[in-house]
Amino acid sequence: MIGKKTIWALIVAGALGMAALVSLAERDVNATTKAELMTHAKTDLEMLSRFITLDPMPEAALWESVTLSGGSDWTLTALITYAAADRAALIAQMPPEPGGFTFPAPAWLPDDTAMFLQMTEGTIRSEHTLSPTPFFKSPLLNGNALAAGETQLLIVLQTQ
């Protein structure tokens, strides 16, 4: 039979253990840096090409997909880097879109790219969006694109 002191010792030890786990979790969240967030962005071009059309094949990409509330729709955000000539050829196929574009900047967006985008308090705002149709692949048939610098495109596509 376990005594009252043993039961209380187990309860206190359990509570202290939970407090330590919560403290570790909070420290991990607070210690998150841009470099750590960038490790969560995917770089696999082959996997990205399963979701969107990549023609021509880019030199590199940072991307993520996020399930929207409700669970059936999702969005894919990609920062795609091309050779300058390939990006120029793509932009020639991407007419300007009417209206503006407002989107929360991905936490993994590199600083050297962010300086080319109109950002306010972590939100990208632009009146100069491009049609992302060269990247469409079902079910990602809606979205926006922005030019960033000489070689990059920021693509945001949604299923809805």
N, C-alpha and C. Protein backbone atom coordinates (compact mmCIF):
# COMPACT_ATOMS: atom_id res chain seq x y z
N MET A 1 0.84 -1.17 0.00
CA MET A 1 0.00 0.00 0.00
C MET A 1 0.89 1.24 0.00
N ILE A 2 0.48 2.22 -0.77
CA ILE A 2 1.22 3.47 -0.88
C ILE A 2 0.69 4.44 0.15
N GLY A 3 1.62 5.09 0.85
CA GLY A 3 1.24 6.04 1.88
C GLY A 3 0.90 7.40 1.29
N LYS A 4 0.28 8.24 2.15
CA LYS A 4 -0.11 9.58 1.74
C LYS A 4 1.10 10.41 1.32
N LYS A 5 2.23 10.26 2.02
CA LYS A 5 3.42 11.03 1.68
C LYS A 5 3.92 10.65 0.28
N THR A 6 3.86 9.38 -0.04
CA THR A 6 4.30 8.93 -1.37
C THR A 6 3.39 9.48 -2.45
N ILE A 7 2.10 9.47 -2.22
CA ILE A 7 1.15 10.00 -3.20
C ILE A 7 1.41 11.49 -3.41
N TRP A 8 1.58 12.24 -2.31
CA TRP A 8 1.85 13.68 -2.45
C TRP A 8 3.18 13.93 -3.16
N ALA A 9 4.17 13.11 -2.90
CA ALA A 9 5.47 13.25 -3.57
C ALA A 9 5.32 13.03 -5.07
N LEU A 10 4.51 12.04 -5.45
CA LEU A 10 4.27 11.77 -6.87
C LEU A 10 3.51 12.92 -7.53
N ILE A 11 2.54 13.47 -6.84
CA ILE A 11 1.77 14.60 -7.38
C ILE A 11 2.68 15.80 -7.58
N VAL A 12 3.50 16.12 -6.57
CA VAL A 12 4.40 17.27 -6.66
C VAL A 12 5.42 17.04 -7.78
N ALA A 13 5.99 15.83 -7.87
CA ALA A 13 6.97 15.53 -8.92
C ALA A 13 6.32 15.66 -10.30
N GLY A 14 5.08 15.20 -10.44
CA GLY A 14 4.37 15.32 -11.72
C GLY A 14 4.13 16.77 -12.08
N ALA A 15 3.71 17.57 -11.11
CA ALA A 15 3.47 19.00 -11.35
C ALA A 15 4.76 19.71 -11.73
N LEU A 16 5.85 19.39 -11.03
CA LEU A 16 7.13 20.01 -11.37
C LEU A 16 7.58 19.60 -12.77
N GLY A 17 7.37 18.34 -13.11
CA GLY A 17 7.72 17.87 -14.45
C GLY A 17 6.92 18.59 -15.52
N MET A 18 5.65 18.77 -15.31
CA MET A 18 4.80 19.50 -16.27
C MET A 18 5.24 20.95 -16.39
N ALA A 19 5.57 21.58 -15.26
CA ALA A 19 6.03 22.97 -15.28
C ALA A 19 7.33 23.08 -16.08
N ALA A 20 8.21 22.10 -15.93
CA ALA A 20 9.47 22.13 -16.67
C ALA A 20 9.20 21.97 -18.17
N LEU A 21 8.28 21.10 -18.55
CA LEU A 21 7.95 20.92 -19.96
C LEU A 21 7.35 22.18 -20.55
N VAL A 22 6.45 22.82 -19.82
CA VAL A 22 5.85 24.07 -20.29
C VAL A 22 6.93 25.14 -20.45
N SER A 23 7.83 25.21 -19.48
CA SER A 23 8.91 26.19 -19.55
C SER A 23 9.79 25.94 -20.76
N LEU A 24 10.12 24.69 -21.04
CA LEU A 24 10.93 24.36 -22.22
C LEU A 24 10.19 24.73 -23.50
N ALA A 25 8.90 24.45 -23.55
CA ALA A 25 8.12 24.78 -24.75
C ALA A 25 8.08 26.28 -24.97
N GLU A 26 7.87 27.05 -23.89
CA GLU A 26 7.85 28.50 -24.02
C GLU A 26 9.20 29.03 -24.46
N ARG A 27 10.28 28.48 -23.92
CA ARG A 27 11.61 28.93 -24.31
C ARG A 27 11.86 28.63 -25.78
N ASP A 28 11.42 27.45 -26.26
CA ASP A 28 11.59 27.10 -27.67
C ASP A 28 10.85 28.08 -28.56
N VAL A 29 9.61 28.44 -28.18
CA VAL A 29 8.84 29.39 -28.99
C VAL A 29 9.52 30.75 -28.98
N ASN A 30 9.96 31.19 -27.82
CA ASN A 30 10.59 32.50 -27.71
C ASN A 30 11.96 32.55 -28.37
N ALA A 31 12.64 31.41 -28.46
CA ALA A 31 13.98 31.37 -29.04
C ALA A 31 13.94 31.22 -30.56
N THR A 32 12.76 31.10 -31.13
CA THR A 32 12.65 30.91 -32.56
C THR A 32 13.22 32.11 -33.29
N THR A 33 14.15 31.83 -34.19
CA THR A 33 14.74 32.88 -35.00
C THR A 33 14.35 32.66 -36.45
N LYS A 34 14.65 33.63 -37.28
CA LYS A 34 14.36 33.49 -38.71
C LYS A 34 15.07 32.27 -39.28
N ALA A 35 16.31 32.03 -38.85
CA ALA A 35 17.06 30.86 -39.34
C ALA A 35 16.33 29.57 -38.98
N GLU A 36 15.80 29.52 -37.75
CA GLU A 36 15.07 28.32 -37.34
C GLU A 36 13.78 28.19 -38.14
N LEU A 37 13.09 29.30 -38.39
CA LEU A 37 11.85 29.25 -39.17
C LEU A 37 12.14 28.80 -40.60
N MET A 38 13.28 29.23 -41.15
CA MET A 38 13.61 28.85 -42.52
C MET A 38 13.83 27.36 -42.64
N THR A 39 14.19 26.68 -41.54
CA THR A 39 14.35 25.24 -41.61
C THR A 39 13.00 24.55 -41.78
N HIS A 40 11.91 25.25 -41.46
CA HIS A 40 10.58 24.68 -41.62
C HIS A 40 10.05 24.88 -43.04
N ALA A 41 10.61 25.83 -43.76
CA ALA A 41 10.22 26.02 -45.15
C ALA A 41 10.87 24.91 -45.97
N LYS A 42 10.12 24.40 -46.90
CA LYS A 42 10.64 23.32 -47.74
C LYS A 42 11.49 23.90 -48.87
N THR A 43 12.43 23.10 -49.37
CA THR A 43 13.29 23.51 -50.48
C THR A 43 13.25 22.49 -51.62
N ASP A 44 12.52 21.43 -51.46
CA ASP A 44 12.49 20.33 -52.43
C ASP A 44 11.74 20.73 -53.69
N LEU A 45 12.47 20.97 -54.79
CA LEU A 45 11.85 21.39 -56.05
C LEU A 45 10.99 20.29 -56.66
N GLU A 46 11.43 19.05 -56.53
CA GLU A 46 10.65 17.94 -57.09
C GLU A 46 9.28 17.84 -56.41
N MET A 47 9.27 17.98 -55.09
CA MET A 47 8.00 17.93 -54.38
C MET A 47 7.13 19.13 -54.75
N LEU A 48 7.74 20.32 -54.84
CA LEU A 48 7.00 21.51 -55.23
C LEU A 48 6.37 21.34 -56.61
N SER A 49 7.08 20.69 -57.52
CA SER A 49 6.56 20.50 -58.88
C SER A 49 5.35 19.56 -58.93
N ARG A 50 5.11 18.84 -57.86
CA ARG A 50 3.89 18.01 -57.79
C ARG A 50 2.65 18.87 -57.56
N PHE A 51 2.86 20.06 -56.98
CA PHE A 51 1.75 20.93 -56.62
C PHE A 51 1.53 22.07 -57.60
N ILE A 52 2.62 22.60 -58.17
CA ILE A 52 2.50 23.71 -59.11
C ILE A 52 3.35 23.43 -60.34
N THR A 53 3.03 24.09 -61.43
CA THR A 53 3.81 23.95 -62.66
C THR A 53 5.10 24.74 -62.53
N LEU A 54 6.20 24.09 -62.80
CA LEU A 54 7.52 24.73 -62.76
C LEU A 54 8.17 24.56 -64.13
N ASP A 55 7.89 25.49 -65.01
CA ASP A 55 8.46 25.45 -66.36
C ASP A 55 8.81 26.87 -66.78
N PRO A 56 10.08 27.21 -66.78
CA PRO A 56 11.25 26.34 -66.62
C PRO A 56 11.50 25.98 -65.15
N MET A 57 12.34 24.97 -64.94
CA MET A 57 12.68 24.56 -63.58
C MET A 57 13.52 25.67 -62.94
N PRO A 58 13.14 26.09 -61.75
CA PRO A 58 13.89 27.16 -61.07
C PRO A 58 15.22 26.65 -60.52
N GLU A 59 16.03 27.62 -60.11
CA GLU A 59 17.30 27.29 -59.47
C GLU A 59 17.08 26.86 -58.02
N ALA A 60 16.10 27.47 -57.35
CA ALA A 60 15.85 27.18 -55.94
C ALA A 60 14.45 27.67 -55.57
N ALA A 61 13.97 27.20 -54.43
CA ALA A 61 12.68 27.67 -53.91
C ALA A 61 12.63 27.45 -52.41
N LEU A 62 11.95 28.34 -51.73
CA LEU A 62 11.53 28.17 -50.34
C LEU A 62 10.02 28.16 -50.39
N TRP A 63 9.38 27.19 -49.77
CA TRP A 63 7.93 27.13 -49.87
C TRP A 63 7.33 26.41 -48.68
N GLU A 64 6.03 26.66 -48.52
CA GLU A 64 5.26 25.98 -47.48
C GLU A 64 3.82 25.86 -47.93
N SER A 65 3.14 24.87 -47.38
CA SER A 65 1.70 24.76 -47.60
C SER A 65 1.04 24.79 -46.23
N VAL A 66 -0.12 25.44 -46.18
CA VAL A 66 -0.83 25.62 -44.92
C VAL A 66 -2.30 25.29 -45.15
N THR A 67 -2.85 24.46 -44.28
CA THR A 67 -4.28 24.15 -44.33
C THR A 67 -5.06 25.31 -43.74
N LEU A 68 -6.08 25.76 -44.45
CA LEU A 68 -6.89 26.88 -43.98
C LEU A 68 -7.95 26.37 -43.01
N SER A 69 -8.54 27.27 -42.23
CA SER A 69 -9.55 26.86 -41.26
C SER A 69 -10.67 26.15 -42.00
N GLY A 70 -11.16 25.11 -41.40
CA GLY A 70 -12.17 24.28 -42.04
C GLY A 70 -11.57 22.98 -42.55
N GLY A 71 -10.27 23.02 -42.87
CA GLY A 71 -9.55 21.80 -43.20
C GLY A 71 -9.59 21.31 -44.62
N SER A 72 -10.49 21.84 -45.47
CA SER A 72 -10.56 21.30 -46.83
C SER A 72 -9.80 22.16 -47.84
N ASP A 73 -9.57 23.42 -47.54
CA ASP A 73 -8.83 24.30 -48.45
C ASP A 73 -7.43 24.53 -47.89
N TRP A 74 -6.52 24.84 -48.79
CA TRP A 74 -5.15 25.10 -48.36
C TRP A 74 -4.50 26.10 -49.29
N THR A 75 -3.37 26.63 -48.82
CA THR A 75 -2.63 27.61 -49.59
C THR A 75 -1.18 27.16 -49.70
N LEU A 76 -0.55 27.52 -50.78
CA LEU A 76 0.87 27.24 -50.99
C LEU A 76 1.56 28.57 -51.28
N THR A 77 2.58 28.86 -50.51
CA THR A 77 3.36 30.08 -50.69
C THR A 77 4.77 29.67 -51.07
N ALA A 78 5.28 30.23 -52.16
CA ALA A 78 6.61 29.85 -52.62
C ALA A 78 7.40 31.09 -53.06
N LEU A 79 8.62 31.16 -52.63
CA LEU A 79 9.57 32.15 -53.12
C LEU A 79 10.48 31.38 -54.06
N ILE A 80 10.36 31.67 -55.35
CA ILE A 80 11.04 30.88 -56.37
C ILE A 80 12.14 31.72 -57.01
N THR A 81 13.33 31.15 -57.10
CA THR A 81 14.49 31.84 -57.67
C THR A 81 14.82 31.22 -59.03
N TYR A 82 14.91 32.09 -60.03
CA TYR A 82 15.22 31.69 -61.40
C TYR A 82 16.49 32.39 -61.88
N ALA A 83 17.05 31.87 -62.95
CA ALA A 83 18.04 32.64 -63.68
C ALA A 83 17.30 33.89 -64.19
N ALA A 84 18.00 35.01 -64.29
CA ALA A 84 17.35 36.28 -64.67
C ALA A 84 16.60 36.16 -65.99
N ALA A 85 17.17 35.49 -66.98
CA ALA A 85 16.51 35.35 -68.29
C ALA A 85 15.24 34.52 -68.18
N ASP A 86 15.27 33.46 -67.39
CA ASP A 86 14.08 32.62 -67.21
C ASP A 86 12.98 33.39 -66.49
N ARG A 87 13.35 34.17 -65.48
CA ARG A 87 12.34 34.95 -64.78
C ARG A 87 11.73 36.00 -65.70
N ALA A 88 12.55 36.63 -66.53
CA ALA A 88 12.03 37.63 -67.47
C ALA A 88 11.05 36.98 -68.45
N ALA A 89 11.36 35.78 -68.92
CA ALA A 89 10.45 35.07 -69.84
C ALA A 89 9.14 34.72 -69.14
N LEU A 90 9.20 34.33 -67.89
CA LEU A 90 7.98 34.02 -67.13
C LEU A 90 7.13 35.27 -66.93
N ILE A 91 7.76 36.36 -66.54
CA ILE A 91 7.01 37.59 -66.31
C ILE A 91 6.31 38.05 -67.59
N ALA A 92 6.89 37.77 -68.73
CA ALA A 92 6.25 38.12 -70.00
C ALA A 92 4.94 37.35 -70.18
N GLN A 93 4.79 36.21 -69.50
CA GLN A 93 3.57 35.40 -69.57
C GLN A 93 2.60 35.72 -68.43
N MET A 94 2.95 36.68 -67.59
CA MET A 94 2.17 36.97 -66.39
C MET A 94 1.65 38.40 -66.44
N PRO A 95 0.51 38.62 -67.08
CA PRO A 95 -0.01 40.00 -67.16
C PRO A 95 -0.35 40.55 -65.78
N PRO A 96 -0.32 41.87 -65.66
CA PRO A 96 -0.71 42.49 -64.38
C PRO A 96 -2.15 42.12 -64.03
N GLU A 97 -2.37 41.94 -62.74
CA GLU A 97 -3.71 41.62 -62.23
C GLU A 97 -4.34 42.89 -61.69
N PRO A 98 -5.64 43.06 -61.89
CA PRO A 98 -6.32 44.22 -61.30
C PRO A 98 -6.43 44.05 -59.79
N GLY A 99 -6.50 45.16 -59.12
CA GLY A 99 -6.65 45.11 -57.66
C GLY A 99 -5.32 44.91 -56.97
N GLY A 100 -5.37 44.88 -55.68
CA GLY A 100 -4.16 44.76 -54.89
C GLY A 100 -4.00 43.39 -54.28
N PHE A 101 -2.99 43.28 -53.49
CA PHE A 101 -2.63 42.02 -52.85
C PHE A 101 -2.17 42.33 -51.44
N THR A 102 -2.80 41.72 -50.46
CA THR A 102 -2.40 41.85 -49.07
C THR A 102 -2.29 40.45 -48.51
N PHE A 103 -1.14 40.15 -47.92
CA PHE A 103 -0.90 38.79 -47.46
C PHE A 103 0.10 38.82 -46.31
N PRO A 104 -0.13 38.01 -45.26
CA PRO A 104 0.86 37.96 -44.18
C PRO A 104 2.18 37.41 -44.73
N ALA A 105 3.26 38.12 -44.49
CA ALA A 105 4.57 37.66 -44.98
C ALA A 105 4.95 36.37 -44.27
N PRO A 106 5.43 35.39 -45.02
CA PRO A 106 5.89 34.17 -44.37
C PRO A 106 7.04 34.49 -43.41
N ALA A 107 7.05 33.86 -42.26
CA ALA A 107 8.10 34.12 -41.28
C ALA A 107 9.48 33.75 -41.81
N TRP A 108 9.52 32.84 -42.79
CA TRP A 108 10.79 32.38 -43.34
C TRP A 108 11.30 33.24 -44.51
N LEU A 109 10.57 34.28 -44.85
CA LEU A 109 10.96 35.13 -45.98
C LEU A 109 12.32 35.77 -45.69
N PRO A 110 13.34 35.54 -46.54
CA PRO A 110 14.66 36.11 -46.28
C PRO A 110 14.63 37.64 -46.30
N ASP A 111 15.45 38.24 -45.47
CA ASP A 111 15.50 39.70 -45.37
C ASP A 111 15.88 40.34 -46.70
N ASP A 112 16.79 39.71 -47.45
CA ASP A 112 17.21 40.32 -48.71
C ASP A 112 16.11 40.28 -49.77
N THR A 113 15.12 39.43 -49.60
CA THR A 113 13.95 39.42 -50.48
C THR A 113 12.90 40.40 -49.97
N ALA A 114 12.71 40.43 -48.67
CA ALA A 114 11.70 41.30 -48.06
C ALA A 114 11.93 42.76 -48.44
N MET A 115 13.18 43.16 -48.63
CA MET A 115 13.45 44.57 -48.95
C MET A 115 12.90 44.96 -50.32
N PHE A 116 12.61 43.98 -51.20
CA PHE A 116 12.04 44.27 -52.51
C PHE A 116 10.51 44.35 -52.47
N LEU A 117 9.91 43.93 -51.37
CA LEU A 117 8.45 43.88 -51.26
C LEU A 117 7.97 45.02 -50.37
N GLN A 118 6.76 45.48 -50.62
CA GLN A 118 6.15 46.52 -49.79
C GLN A 118 5.57 45.85 -48.57
N MET A 119 6.28 45.96 -47.45
CA MET A 119 5.84 45.29 -46.23
C MET A 119 5.58 46.31 -45.13
N THR A 120 4.51 46.07 -44.40
CA THR A 120 4.17 46.87 -43.23
C THR A 120 3.77 45.92 -42.12
N GLU A 121 4.52 45.96 -41.02
CA GLU A 121 4.19 45.15 -39.85
C GLU A 121 3.93 43.70 -40.20
N GLY A 122 4.82 43.09 -41.00
CA GLY A 122 4.72 41.68 -41.33
C GLY A 122 3.68 41.34 -42.38
N THR A 123 3.11 42.36 -43.03
CA THR A 123 2.11 42.13 -44.07
C THR A 123 2.63 42.68 -45.39
N ILE A 124 2.52 41.86 -46.42
CA ILE A 124 2.92 42.30 -47.76
C ILE A 124 1.71 42.96 -48.40
N ARG A 125 1.93 44.18 -48.91
CA ARG A 125 0.88 44.91 -49.61
C ARG A 125 1.44 45.36 -50.95
N SER A 126 0.70 45.11 -52.01
CA SER A 126 1.18 45.54 -53.32
C SER A 126 0.01 45.84 -54.23
N GLU A 127 0.16 46.88 -55.01
CA GLU A 127 -0.81 47.21 -56.05
C GLU A 127 -0.34 46.66 -57.40
N HIS A 128 0.83 46.05 -57.43
CA HIS A 128 1.43 45.58 -58.68
C HIS A 128 1.55 44.07 -58.67
N THR A 129 0.42 43.39 -58.73
CA THR A 129 0.45 41.93 -58.74
C THR A 129 0.45 41.41 -60.17
N LEU A 130 0.92 40.20 -60.30
CA LEU A 130 0.99 39.54 -61.61
C LEU A 130 0.09 38.31 -61.59
N SER A 131 -0.39 37.91 -62.74
CA SER A 131 -1.20 36.71 -62.85
C SER A 131 -0.29 35.49 -62.66
N PRO A 132 -0.61 34.60 -61.72
CA PRO A 132 0.22 33.43 -61.50
C PRO A 132 -0.16 32.22 -62.37
N THR A 133 -0.93 32.45 -63.43
CA THR A 133 -1.43 31.31 -64.23
C THR A 133 -0.35 30.36 -64.75
N PRO A 134 0.89 30.81 -65.05
CA PRO A 134 1.89 29.82 -65.49
C PRO A 134 2.21 28.76 -64.44
N PHE A 135 1.83 29.01 -63.18
CA PHE A 135 2.13 28.08 -62.10
C PHE A 135 0.94 27.19 -61.73
N PHE A 136 -0.25 27.50 -62.27
CA PHE A 136 -1.46 26.77 -61.88
C PHE A 136 -1.34 25.28 -62.18
N LYS A 137 -1.79 24.50 -61.20
CA LYS A 137 -1.97 23.06 -61.35
C LYS A 137 -3.09 22.70 -60.37
N SER A 138 -4.09 22.02 -60.85
CA SER A 138 -5.24 21.69 -60.01
C SER A 138 -4.77 20.92 -58.77
N PRO A 139 -5.32 21.32 -57.63
CA PRO A 139 -6.42 22.22 -57.32
C PRO A 139 -6.01 23.66 -57.03
N LEU A 140 -4.72 24.00 -57.20
CA LEU A 140 -4.25 25.36 -56.89
C LEU A 140 -4.45 26.25 -58.10
N LEU A 141 -5.67 26.80 -58.22
CA LEU A 141 -6.05 27.55 -59.41
C LEU A 141 -6.42 29.01 -59.14
N ASN A 142 -6.07 29.52 -57.96
CA ASN A 142 -6.32 30.91 -57.59
C ASN A 142 -5.09 31.45 -56.90
N GLY A 143 -4.87 32.75 -57.03
CA GLY A 143 -3.75 33.30 -56.29
C GLY A 143 -3.20 34.58 -56.84
N ASN A 144 -1.98 34.90 -56.40
CA ASN A 144 -1.28 36.12 -56.77
C ASN A 144 0.20 35.83 -56.92
N ALA A 145 0.87 36.72 -57.64
CA ALA A 145 2.32 36.63 -57.78
C ALA A 145 2.91 38.03 -57.70
N LEU A 146 4.11 38.11 -57.15
CA LEU A 146 4.83 39.37 -57.05
C LEU A 146 6.27 39.15 -57.50
N ALA A 147 6.81 40.11 -58.22
CA ALA A 147 8.23 40.07 -58.56
C ALA A 147 9.01 40.59 -57.37
N ALA A 148 10.14 39.95 -57.10
CA ALA A 148 11.01 40.37 -56.00
C ALA A 148 12.44 40.38 -56.51
N GLY A 149 12.97 41.55 -56.70
CA GLY A 149 14.33 41.66 -57.21
C GLY A 149 14.44 41.24 -58.67
N GLU A 150 15.64 40.86 -59.07
CA GLU A 150 15.91 40.50 -60.46
C GLU A 150 15.61 39.05 -60.79
N THR A 151 15.58 38.19 -59.76
CA THR A 151 15.52 36.76 -60.04
C THR A 151 14.42 36.00 -59.32
N GLN A 152 13.65 36.65 -58.46
CA GLN A 152 12.68 35.91 -57.65
C GLN A 152 11.24 36.30 -57.93
N LEU A 153 10.37 35.32 -57.68
CA LEU A 153 8.93 35.53 -57.73
C LEU A 153 8.35 34.97 -56.44
N LEU A 154 7.44 35.71 -55.84
CA LEU A 154 6.69 35.23 -54.69
C LEU A 154 5.32 34.82 -55.21
N ILE A 155 5.00 33.54 -55.05
CA ILE A 155 3.75 32.98 -55.56
C ILE A 155 2.91 32.55 -54.36
N VAL A 156 1.64 32.96 -54.34
CA VAL A 156 0.71 32.52 -53.30
C VAL A 156 -0.51 31.95 -54.02
N LEU A 157 -0.71 30.64 -53.90
CA LEU A 157 -1.83 29.98 -54.58
C LEU A 157 -2.73 29.33 -53.55
N GLN A 158 -4.04 29.33 -53.86
CA GLN A 158 -5.04 28.73 -52.96
C GLN A 158 -5.93 27.76 -53.73
N THR A 159 -6.52 26.85 -52.96
CA THR A 159 -7.48 25.92 -53.55
C THR A 159 -8.87 26.53 -53.63
N GLN A 160 -9.13 27.59 -52.90
CA GLN A 160 -10.48 28.17 -52.88
C GLN A 160 -10.64 29.28 -53.88
